Amino acid sequence: MHRDRMSGKVCLVTGGGSGIGRAAAILMAEEGAQAVVIAGRREREGEDAADACRMAGAEALFVKTDVTREADVERMVKGTVDRFGRLDVAFNNAGHQEKRLPLAEQTNAVYDAVFDANVRAVFLCLRHQLAAMAPRSTGSIVVNASVSGIRNPNPGFALYSASKAAVISLMRTCALEYAPRGVRINAVAPGRVITDMMLRAGVGDVSTVAAGLPLRRMGDPEDVAQAVVWLASDEASYTVGHVLASDGGFLAS
């Protein structure tokens, strides 16, 4: 249901070309965002997502961005502010999951790829987003974490789980630092959601995984997008440093 929860806001979504990022960006547009900036490495997917946001009624811009590179992140945030005058909402969604293997079989290069995408990128995005938001004493940032950062449900994904635990800790500390300055920071923790990243990583047979969840189904990106938009919206104005699990009941089981 269209509730205008993003009415008039300028929003930025990293990893916005597919999966949860794309679903969140489109929902932001449907919920009345003035503008949605899609950041990502894959230009075709990003432009398609921007087109979908325009069809939903928002201005939209794709910015080709590697969020592990500070110059790209700085350009992404500066380009948003230069184009639309401010940044109201950011969803730091881009991430990477290794292929399932025992820890001793993972390599240094895989470690670097996971932690650069999942931790360093969030650090860089927060730094530059907060520099744009804090002087205005307003703004809302949502970080994409994971239930794996709270309780690791999948042996073979030790690096991903550790990186998401780091993201949650980083988010909570940052939330305490910037809440007095008017910027709210929270995290969403998806459970088993069907995305290209999950399928590439080899999580397992989808029907078997779904059967083990209390809801007996896998999540869709749109399920998580609803949680993201709520956290980012003024409806969550008293919610700070929180991790909202959109997980089909996994953590409760």
C-alpha atoms as a PDB file:
ATOM      1  CA  MET A   1       0.000   0.000   0.000  1.00  0.00           C
ATOM      2  CA  HIS A   2       1.294   3.420  -0.959  1.00  0.00           C
ATOM      3  CA  ARG A   3       1.866   5.366   2.269  1.00  0.00           C
ATOM      4  CA  ASP A   4       4.250   8.168   1.196  1.00  0.00           C
ATOM      5  CA  ARG A   5       6.768   7.160   3.856  1.00  0.00           C
ATOM      6  CA  MET A   6       9.587   8.561   1.708  1.00  0.00           C
ATOM      7  CA  SER A   7       7.682  11.664   0.637  1.00  0.00           C
ATOM      8  CA  GLY A   8      10.038  14.315  -0.716  1.00  0.00           C
ATOM      9  CA  LYS A   9      13.211  12.522   0.380  1.00  0.00           C
ATOM     10  CA  VAL A  10      16.442  12.169  -1.560  1.00  0.00           C
ATOM     11  CA  CYS A  11      17.551   8.544  -1.242  1.00  0.00           C
ATOM     12  CA  LEU A  12      20.753   6.676  -2.074  1.00  0.00           C
ATOM     13  CA  VAL A  13      20.981   2.884  -2.453  1.00  0.00           C
ATOM     14  CA  THR A  14      24.270   1.062  -2.936  1.00  0.00           C
ATOM     15  CA  GLY A  15      24.125  -2.237  -4.745  1.00  0.00           C
ATOM     16  CA  GLY A  16      20.829  -0.953  -6.070  1.00  0.00           C
ATOM     17  CA  GLY A  17      20.835  -2.728  -9.403  1.00  0.00           C
ATOM     18  CA  SER A  18      19.534  -6.089  -8.222  1.00  0.00           C
ATOM     19  CA  GLY A  19      18.082  -8.081  -5.360  1.00  0.00           C
ATOM     20  CA  ILE A  20      17.285  -6.342  -2.092  1.00  0.00           C
ATOM     21  CA  GLY A  21      18.822  -3.061  -3.207  1.00  0.00           C
ATOM     22  CA  ARG A  22      16.696  -2.849  -6.333  1.00  0.00           C
ATOM     23  CA  ALA A  23      13.535  -3.768  -4.415  1.00  0.00           C
ATOM     24  CA  ALA A  24      14.260  -1.120  -1.773  1.00  0.00           C
ATOM     25  CA  ALA A  25      15.008   1.561  -4.354  1.00  0.00           C
ATOM     26  CA  ILE A  26      11.763   0.932  -6.227  1.00  0.00           C
ATOM     27  CA  LEU A  27       9.752   0.880  -3.001  1.00  0.00           C
ATOM     28  CA  MET A  28      11.304   4.199  -1.983  1.00  0.00           C
ATOM     29  CA  ALA A  29      10.152   5.650  -5.294  1.00  0.00           C
ATOM     30  CA  GLU A  30       6.675   4.175  -4.851  1.00  0.00           C
ATOM     31  CA  GLU A  31       6.565   5.639  -1.349  1.00  0.00           C
ATOM     32  CA  GLY A  32       7.009   9.177  -2.671  1.00  0.00           C
ATOM     33  CA  ALA A  33      10.772   9.777  -2.764  1.00  0.00           C
ATOM     34  CA  GLN A  34      11.734  12.902  -4.648  1.00  0.00           C
ATOM     35  CA  ALA A  35      14.829  11.177  -5.993  1.00  0.00           C
ATOM     36  CA  VAL A  36      16.541   7.783  -5.807  1.00  0.00           C
ATOM     37  CA  VAL A  37      20.222   7.429  -6.641  1.00  0.00           C
ATOM     38  CA  ILE A  38      21.260   3.908  -7.627  1.00  0.00           C
ATOM     39  CA  ALA A  39      24.929   3.084  -7.051  1.00  0.00           C
ATOM     40  CA  GLY A  40      26.600  -0.062  -8.288  1.00  0.00           C
ATOM     41  CA  ARG A  41      29.223  -1.592 -10.545  1.00  0.00           C
ATOM     42  CA  ARG A  42      26.953  -3.091 -13.211  1.00  0.00           C
ATOM     43  CA  GLU A  43      25.753  -0.301 -15.452  1.00  0.00           C
ATOM     44  CA  ARG A  44      22.983  -2.113 -17.308  1.00  0.00           C
ATOM     45  CA  GLU A  45      21.322  -3.366 -14.111  1.00  0.00           C
ATOM     46  CA  GLY A  46      21.708   0.030 -12.479  1.00  0.00           C
ATOM     47  CA  GLU A  47      20.151   1.911 -15.365  1.00  0.00           C
ATOM     48  CA  ASP A  48      17.253  -0.578 -15.461  1.00  0.00           C
ATOM     49  CA  ALA A  49      16.649  -0.002 -11.744  1.00  0.00           C
ATOM     50  CA  ALA A  50      16.769   3.766 -12.256  1.00  0.00           C
ATOM     51  CA  ASP A  51      14.209   3.441 -15.053  1.00  0.00           C
ATOM     52  CA  ALA A  52      11.933   1.445 -12.733  1.00  0.00           C
ATOM     53  CA  CYS A  53      12.228   4.187 -10.098  1.00  0.00           C
ATOM     54  CA  ARG A  54      11.285   6.816 -12.664  1.00  0.00           C
ATOM     55  CA  MET A  55       8.241   4.776 -13.668  1.00  0.00           C
ATOM     56  CA  ALA A  56       7.279   4.722  -9.981  1.00  0.00           C
ATOM     57  CA  GLY A  57       7.327   8.513  -9.917  1.00  0.00           C
ATOM     58  CA  ALA A  58      10.743   9.563  -8.629  1.00  0.00           C
ATOM     59  CA  GLU A  59      13.671  11.274 -10.250  1.00  0.00           C
ATOM     60  CA  ALA A  60      16.427   8.708 -10.560  1.00  0.00           C
ATOM     61  CA  LEU A  61      20.115   8.587 -11.317  1.00  0.00           C
ATOM     62  CA  PHE A  62      22.549   5.711 -11.739  1.00  0.00           C
ATOM     63  CA  VAL A  63      26.107   6.332 -10.546  1.00  0.00           C
ATOM     64  CA  LYS A  64      28.663   3.672 -11.463  1.00  0.00           C
ATOM     65  CA  THR A  65      30.380   2.993  -8.154  1.00  0.00           C
ATOM     66  CA  ASP A  66      32.758   0.541  -6.543  1.00  0.00           C
ATOM     67  CA  VAL A  67      32.002   1.128  -2.871  1.00  0.00           C
ATOM     68  CA  THR A  68      35.337  -0.384  -1.822  1.00  0.00           C
ATOM     69  CA  ARG A  69      37.105   2.608  -3.428  1.00  0.00           C
ATOM     70  CA  GLU A  70      36.980   5.828  -1.461  1.00  0.00           C
ATOM     71  CA  ALA A  71      37.183   8.059  -4.543  1.00  0.00           C
ATOM     72  CA  ASP A  72      34.080   6.357  -5.940  1.00  0.00           C
ATOM     73  CA  VAL A  73      32.192   6.696  -2.644  1.00  0.00           C
ATOM     74  CA  GLU A  74      33.094  10.359  -2.331  1.00  0.00           C
ATOM     75  CA  ARG A  75      31.951  10.983  -5.901  1.00  0.00           C
ATOM     76  CA  MET A  76      28.714   9.055  -5.276  1.00  0.00           C
ATOM     77  CA  VAL A  77      27.732  11.158  -2.256  1.00  0.00           C
ATOM     78  CA  LYS A  78      28.953  14.444  -3.717  1.00  0.00           C
ATOM     79  CA  GLY A  79      27.132  13.755  -6.972  1.00  0.00           C
ATOM     80  CA  THR A  80      23.899  13.137  -5.072  1.00  0.00           C
ATOM     81  CA  VAL A  81      24.186  16.369  -3.085  1.00  0.00           C
ATOM     82  CA  ASP A  82      25.267  18.397  -6.121  1.00  0.00           C
ATOM     83  CA  ARG A  83      22.344  17.110  -8.183  1.00  0.00           C
ATOM     84  CA  PHE A  84      19.547  17.159  -5.606  1.00  0.00           C
ATOM     85  CA  GLY A  85      20.781  19.557  -2.942  1.00  0.00           C
ATOM     86  CA  ARG A  86      20.960  17.126  -0.024  1.00  0.00           C
ATOM     87  CA  LEU A  87      20.951  13.494   1.099  1.00  0.00           C
ATOM     88  CA  ASP A  88      18.104  12.364   3.370  1.00  0.00           C
ATOM     89  CA  VAL A  89      18.239   8.551   3.299  1.00  0.00           C
ATOM     90  CA  ALA A  90      20.977   6.035   2.537  1.00  0.00           C
ATOM     91  CA  PHE A  91      20.702   2.267   2.313  1.00  0.00           C
ATOM     92  CA  ASN A  92      24.167   0.675   2.357  1.00  0.00           C
ATOM     93  CA  ASN A  93      23.270  -2.607   0.746  1.00  0.00           C
ATOM     94  CA  ALA A  94      26.198  -3.644  -1.453  1.00  0.00           C
ATOM     95  CA  GLY A  95      27.938  -6.782  -0.253  1.00  0.00           C
ATOM     96  CA  HIS A  96      29.714 -10.007  -1.133  1.00  0.00           C
ATOM     97  CA  GLN A  97      29.439 -13.617   0.046  1.00  0.00           C
ATOM     98  CA  GLU A  98      32.117 -16.234  -0.487  1.00  0.00           C
ATOM     99  CA  LYS A  99      31.400 -19.632  -1.969  1.00  0.00           C
ATOM    100  CA  ARG A 100      30.706 -22.258   0.678  1.00  0.00           C
ATOM    101  CA  LEU A 101      33.963 -23.857   1.854  1.00  0.00           C
ATOM    102  CA  PRO A 102      35.502 -24.737   5.213  1.00  0.00           C
ATOM    103  CA  LEU A 103      37.630 -21.924   6.625  1.00  0.00           C
ATOM    104  CA  ALA A 104      40.973 -23.631   5.988  1.00  0.00           C
ATOM    105  CA  GLU A 105      40.115 -23.783   2.296  1.00  0.00           C
ATOM    106  CA  GLN A 106      39.366 -20.067   1.991  1.00  0.00           C
ATOM    107  CA  THR A 107      42.157 -17.811   0.712  1.00  0.00           C
ATOM    108  CA  ASN A 108      43.516 -14.417   1.654  1.00  0.00           C
ATOM    109  CA  ALA A 109      42.063 -13.041  -1.561  1.00  0.00           C
ATOM    110  CA  VAL A 110      38.586 -14.282  -0.617  1.00  0.00           C
ATOM    111  CA  TYR A 111      38.972 -12.756   2.859  1.00  0.00           C
ATOM    112  CA  ASP A 112      39.914  -9.412   1.313  1.00  0.00           C
ATOM    113  CA  ALA A 113      36.985  -9.517  -1.112  1.00  0.00           C
ATOM    114  CA  VAL A 114      34.444 -10.269   1.634  1.00  0.00           C
ATOM    115  CA  PHE A 115      35.713  -7.758   4.188  1.00  0.00           C
ATOM    116  CA  ASP A 116      36.338  -5.024   1.615  1.00  0.00           C
ATOM    117  CA  ALA A 117      32.779  -5.303   0.290  1.00  0.00           C
ATOM    118  CA  ASN A 118      31.011  -5.870   3.594  1.00  0.00           C
ATOM    119  CA  VAL A 119      32.990  -3.833   6.140  1.00  0.00           C
ATOM    120  CA  ARG A 120      35.377  -1.388   4.475  1.00  0.00           C
ATOM    121  CA  ALA A 121      32.650  -0.272   2.057  1.00  0.00           C
ATOM    122  CA  VAL A 122      30.196   0.397   4.885  1.00  0.00           C
ATOM    123  CA  PHE A 123      32.882   2.356   6.751  1.00  0.00           C
ATOM    124  CA  LEU A 124      33.590   4.489   3.679  1.00  0.00           C
ATOM    125  CA  CYS A 125      29.909   5.044   2.915  1.00  0.00           C
ATOM    126  CA  LEU A 126      29.090   6.019   6.487  1.00  0.00           C
ATOM    127  CA  ARG A 127      31.958   8.499   6.637  1.00  0.00           C
ATOM    128  CA  HIS A 128      30.895  10.367   3.536  1.00  0.00           C
ATOM    129  CA  GLN A 129      27.147  10.087   4.100  1.00  0.00           C
ATOM    130  CA  LEU A 130      27.462  11.400   7.647  1.00  0.00           C
ATOM    131  CA  ALA A 131      29.545  14.306   6.395  1.00  0.00           C
ATOM    132  CA  ALA A 132      26.595  15.237   4.188  1.00  0.00           C
ATOM    133  CA  MET A 133      23.868  14.615   6.802  1.00  0.00           C
ATOM    134  CA  ALA A 134      25.270  15.682  10.184  1.00  0.00           C
ATOM    135  CA  PRO A 135      25.675  19.402   9.367  1.00  0.00           C
ATOM    136  CA  ARG A 136      21.939  19.482   8.583  1.00  0.00           C
ATOM    137  CA  SER A 137      21.112  17.587  11.825  1.00  0.00           C
ATOM    138  CA  THR A 138      18.885  15.181   9.945  1.00  0.00           C
ATOM    139  CA  GLY A 139      19.075  11.943   7.998  1.00  0.00           C
ATOM    140  CA  SER A 140      18.554   8.201   8.205  1.00  0.00           C
ATOM    141  CA  ILE A 141      20.981   5.440   7.268  1.00  0.00           C
ATOM    142  CA  VAL A 142      20.197   1.728   7.037  1.00  0.00           C
ATOM    143  CA  VAL A 143      22.951  -0.866   6.751  1.00  0.00           C
ATOM    144  CA  ASN A 144      22.336  -4.315   5.294  1.00  0.00           C
ATOM    145  CA  ALA A 145      23.616  -6.836   7.833  1.00  0.00           C
ATOM    146  CA  SER A 146      22.456 -10.466   8.081  1.00  0.00           C
ATOM    147  CA  VAL A 147      21.149 -13.002  10.553  1.00  0.00           C
ATOM    148  CA  SER A 148      24.536 -14.638   9.936  1.00  0.00           C
ATOM    149  CA  GLY A 149      26.100 -11.761  11.851  1.00  0.00           C
ATOM    150  CA  ILE A 150      23.939 -12.617  14.861  1.00  0.00           C
ATOM    151  CA  ARG A 151      23.909 -16.427  14.678  1.00  0.00           C
ATOM    152  CA  ASN A 152      25.753 -18.309  11.972  1.00  0.00           C
ATOM    153  CA  PRO A 153      23.272 -20.744  10.396  1.00  0.00           C
ATOM    154  CA  ASN A 154      25.548 -21.964   7.615  1.00  0.00           C
ATOM    155  CA  PRO A 155      28.916 -23.652   8.158  1.00  0.00           C
ATOM    156  CA  GLY A 156      31.105 -22.791   5.189  1.00  0.00           C
ATOM    157  CA  PHE A 157      30.410 -19.063   5.365  1.00  0.00           C
ATOM    158  CA  ALA A 158      32.661 -18.067   8.266  1.00  0.00           C
ATOM    159  CA  LEU A 159      34.016 -14.958   6.536  1.00  0.00           C
ATOM    160  CA  TYR A 160      30.603 -13.647   5.567  1.00  0.00           C
ATOM    161  CA  SER A 161      29.278 -14.236   9.082  1.00  0.00           C
ATOM    162  CA  ALA A 162      32.262 -12.517  10.701  1.00  0.00           C
ATOM    163  CA  SER A 163      32.020  -9.560   8.349  1.00  0.00           C
ATOM    164  CA  LYS A 164      28.327  -9.080   9.090  1.00  0.00           C
ATOM    165  CA  ALA A 165      28.975  -9.239  12.851  1.00  0.00           C
ATOM    166  CA  ALA A 166      31.543  -6.481  12.319  1.00  0.00           C
ATOM    167  CA  VAL A 167      29.007  -4.437  10.368  1.00  0.00           C
ATOM    168  CA  ILE A 168      26.493  -4.693  13.209  1.00  0.00           C
ATOM    169  CA  SER A 169      29.064  -3.544  15.766  1.00  0.00           C
ATOM    170  CA  LEU A 170      30.190  -0.699  13.510  1.00  0.00           C
ATOM    171  CA  MET A 171      26.598   0.395  12.969  1.00  0.00           C
ATOM    172  CA  ARG A 172      25.705   0.379  16.673  1.00  0.00           C
ATOM    173  CA  THR A 173      28.702   2.439  17.733  1.00  0.00           C
ATOM    174  CA  CYS A 174      28.187   4.893  14.904  1.00  0.00           C
ATOM    175  CA  ALA A 175      24.485   5.159  15.789  1.00  0.00           C
ATOM    176  CA  LEU A 176      25.380   6.213  19.337  1.00  0.00           C
ATOM    177  CA  GLU A 177      27.842   8.793  18.057  1.00  0.00           C
ATOM    178  CA  TYR A 178      25.457  10.450  15.605  1.00  0.00           C
ATOM    179  CA  ALA A 179      22.000  10.168  17.190  1.00  0.00           C
ATOM    180  CA  PRO A 180      22.705  13.330  19.254  1.00  0.00           C
ATOM    181  CA  ARG A 181      23.498  15.062  15.959  1.00  0.00           C
ATOM    182  CA  GLY A 182      20.141  14.163  14.424  1.00  0.00           C
ATOM    183  CA  VAL A 183      21.134  11.220  12.205  1.00  0.00           C
ATOM    184  CA  ARG A 184      19.545   7.813  12.845  1.00  0.00           C
ATOM    185  CA  ILE A 185      21.474   4.676  11.905  1.00  0.00           C
ATOM    186  CA  ASN A 186      20.022   1.163  11.970  1.00  0.00           C
ATOM    187  CA  ALA A 187      20.488  -2.197  10.269  1.00  0.00           C
ATOM    188  CA  VAL A 188      18.283  -4.746   8.598  1.00  0.00           C
ATOM    189  CA  ALA A 189      19.249  -8.400   8.991  1.00  0.00           C
ATOM    190  CA  PRO A 190      17.818 -10.533   6.193  1.00  0.00           C
ATOM    191  CA  GLY A 191      17.473 -14.264   6.652  1.00  0.00           C
ATOM    192  CA  ARG A 192      17.168 -16.682   3.769  1.00  0.00           C
ATOM    193  CA  VAL A 193      16.195 -14.399   0.910  1.00  0.00           C
ATOM    194  CA  ILE A 194      16.354 -15.496  -2.714  1.00  0.00           C
ATOM    195  CA  THR A 195      18.919 -13.280  -4.438  1.00  0.00           C
ATOM    196  CA  ASP A 196      21.555 -13.852  -7.108  1.00  0.00           C
ATOM    197  CA  MET A 197      24.291 -13.519  -4.460  1.00  0.00           C
ATOM    198  CA  MET A 198      22.737 -16.241  -2.316  1.00  0.00           C
ATOM    199  CA  LEU A 199      22.328 -18.603  -5.257  1.00  0.00           C
ATOM    200  CA  ARG A 200      25.908 -18.027  -6.456  1.00  0.00           C
ATOM    201  CA  ALA A 201      27.286 -18.760  -2.987  1.00  0.00           C
ATOM    202  CA  GLY A 202      25.684 -22.204  -2.897  1.00  0.00           C
ATOM    203  CA  VAL A 203      23.553 -21.877   0.218  1.00  0.00           C
ATOM    204  CA  GLY A 204      21.778 -25.130  -0.605  1.00  0.00           C
ATOM    205  CA  ASP A 205      18.567 -26.511  -2.007  1.00  0.00           C
ATOM    206  CA  VAL A 206      15.983 -23.731  -1.750  1.00  0.00           C
ATOM    207  CA  SER A 207      13.069 -26.026  -0.929  1.00  0.00           C
ATOM    208  CA  THR A 208      15.028 -27.743   1.861  1.00  0.00           C
ATOM    209  CA  VAL A 209      16.093 -24.415   3.367  1.00  0.00           C
ATOM    210  CA  ALA A 210      12.527 -23.110   3.165  1.00  0.00           C
ATOM    211  CA  ALA A 211      11.150 -26.196   4.904  1.00  0.00           C
ATOM    212  CA  GLY A 212      13.374 -25.461   7.891  1.00  0.00           C
ATOM    213  CA  LEU A 213      11.998 -21.952   8.436  1.00  0.00           C
ATOM    214  CA  PRO A 214       8.951 -21.251  10.633  1.00  0.00           C
ATOM    215  CA  LEU A 215       7.155 -19.572   7.728  1.00  0.00           C
ATOM    216  CA  ARG A 216       8.047 -22.509   5.467  1.00  0.00           C
ATOM    217  CA  ARG A 217       9.122 -20.205   2.671  1.00  0.00           C
ATOM    218  CA  MET A 218      12.158 -18.262   1.534  1.00  0.00           C
ATOM    219  CA  GLY A 219      12.038 -14.512   1.643  1.00  0.00           C
ATOM    220  CA  ASP A 220      11.767 -12.247  -1.377  1.00  0.00           C
ATOM    221  CA  PRO A 221      13.770  -9.018  -1.769  1.00  0.00           C
ATOM    222  CA  GLU A 222      10.484  -7.133  -1.436  1.00  0.00           C
ATOM    223  CA  ASP A 223      10.015  -8.553   2.083  1.00  0.00           C
ATOM    224  CA  VAL A 224      13.288  -6.994   3.207  1.00  0.00           C
ATOM    225  CA  ALA A 225      12.607  -3.764   1.314  1.00  0.00           C
ATOM    226  CA  GLN A 226       9.570  -3.152   3.510  1.00  0.00           C
ATOM    227  CA  ALA A 227      11.762  -3.378   6.615  1.00  0.00           C
ATOM    228  CA  VAL A 228      14.357  -1.064   5.097  1.00  0.00           C
ATOM    229  CA  VAL A 229      11.826   1.605   4.185  1.00  0.00           C
ATOM    230  CA  TRP A 230      10.250   1.468   7.635  1.00  0.00           C
ATOM    231  CA  LEU A 231      13.642   1.904   9.341  1.00  0.00           C
ATOM    232  CA  ALA A 232      14.518   4.768   7.011  1.00  0.00           C
ATOM    233  CA  SER A 233      11.181   6.523   7.431  1.00  0.00           C
ATOM    234  CA  ASP A 234       9.904   8.942  10.048  1.00  0.00           C
ATOM    235  CA  GLU A 235       7.690   6.111  11.351  1.00  0.00           C
ATOM    236  CA  ALA A 236      10.873   4.780  12.970  1.00  0.00           C
ATOM    237  CA  SER A 237      11.906   8.175  14.371  1.00  0.00           C
ATOM    238  CA  TYR A 238      12.581   6.695  17.838  1.00  0.00           C
ATOM    239  CA  THR A 239      14.522   3.681  16.543  1.00  0.00           C
ATOM    240  CA  VAL A 240      18.310   3.992  16.760  1.00  0.00           C
ATOM    241  CA  GLY A 241      21.070   1.380  16.637  1.00  0.00           C
ATOM    242  CA  HIS A 242      18.551  -1.402  16.071  1.00  0.00           C
ATOM    243  CA  VAL A 243      18.970  -4.595  14.044  1.00  0.00           C
ATOM    244  CA  LEU A 244      15.644  -5.554  12.483  1.00  0.00           C
ATOM    245  CA  ALA A 245      15.576  -9.215  11.427  1.00  0.00           C
ATOM    246  CA  SER A 246      13.524  -9.915   8.321  1.00  0.00           C
ATOM    247  CA  ASP A 247      14.097 -13.633   8.491  1.00  0.00           C
ATOM    248  CA  GLY A 248      10.885 -15.651   8.392  1.00  0.00           C
ATOM    249  CA  GLY A 249      11.333 -16.528  12.061  1.00  0.00           C
ATOM    250  CA  PHE A 250      14.817 -18.030  11.755  1.00  0.00           C
ATOM    251  CA  LEU A 251      16.277 -16.307  14.826  1.00  0.00           C
ATOM    252  CA  ALA A 252      13.234 -17.217  16.901  1.00  0.00           C
ATOM    253  CA  SER A 253      13.550 -20.909  16.118  1.00  0.00           C
END
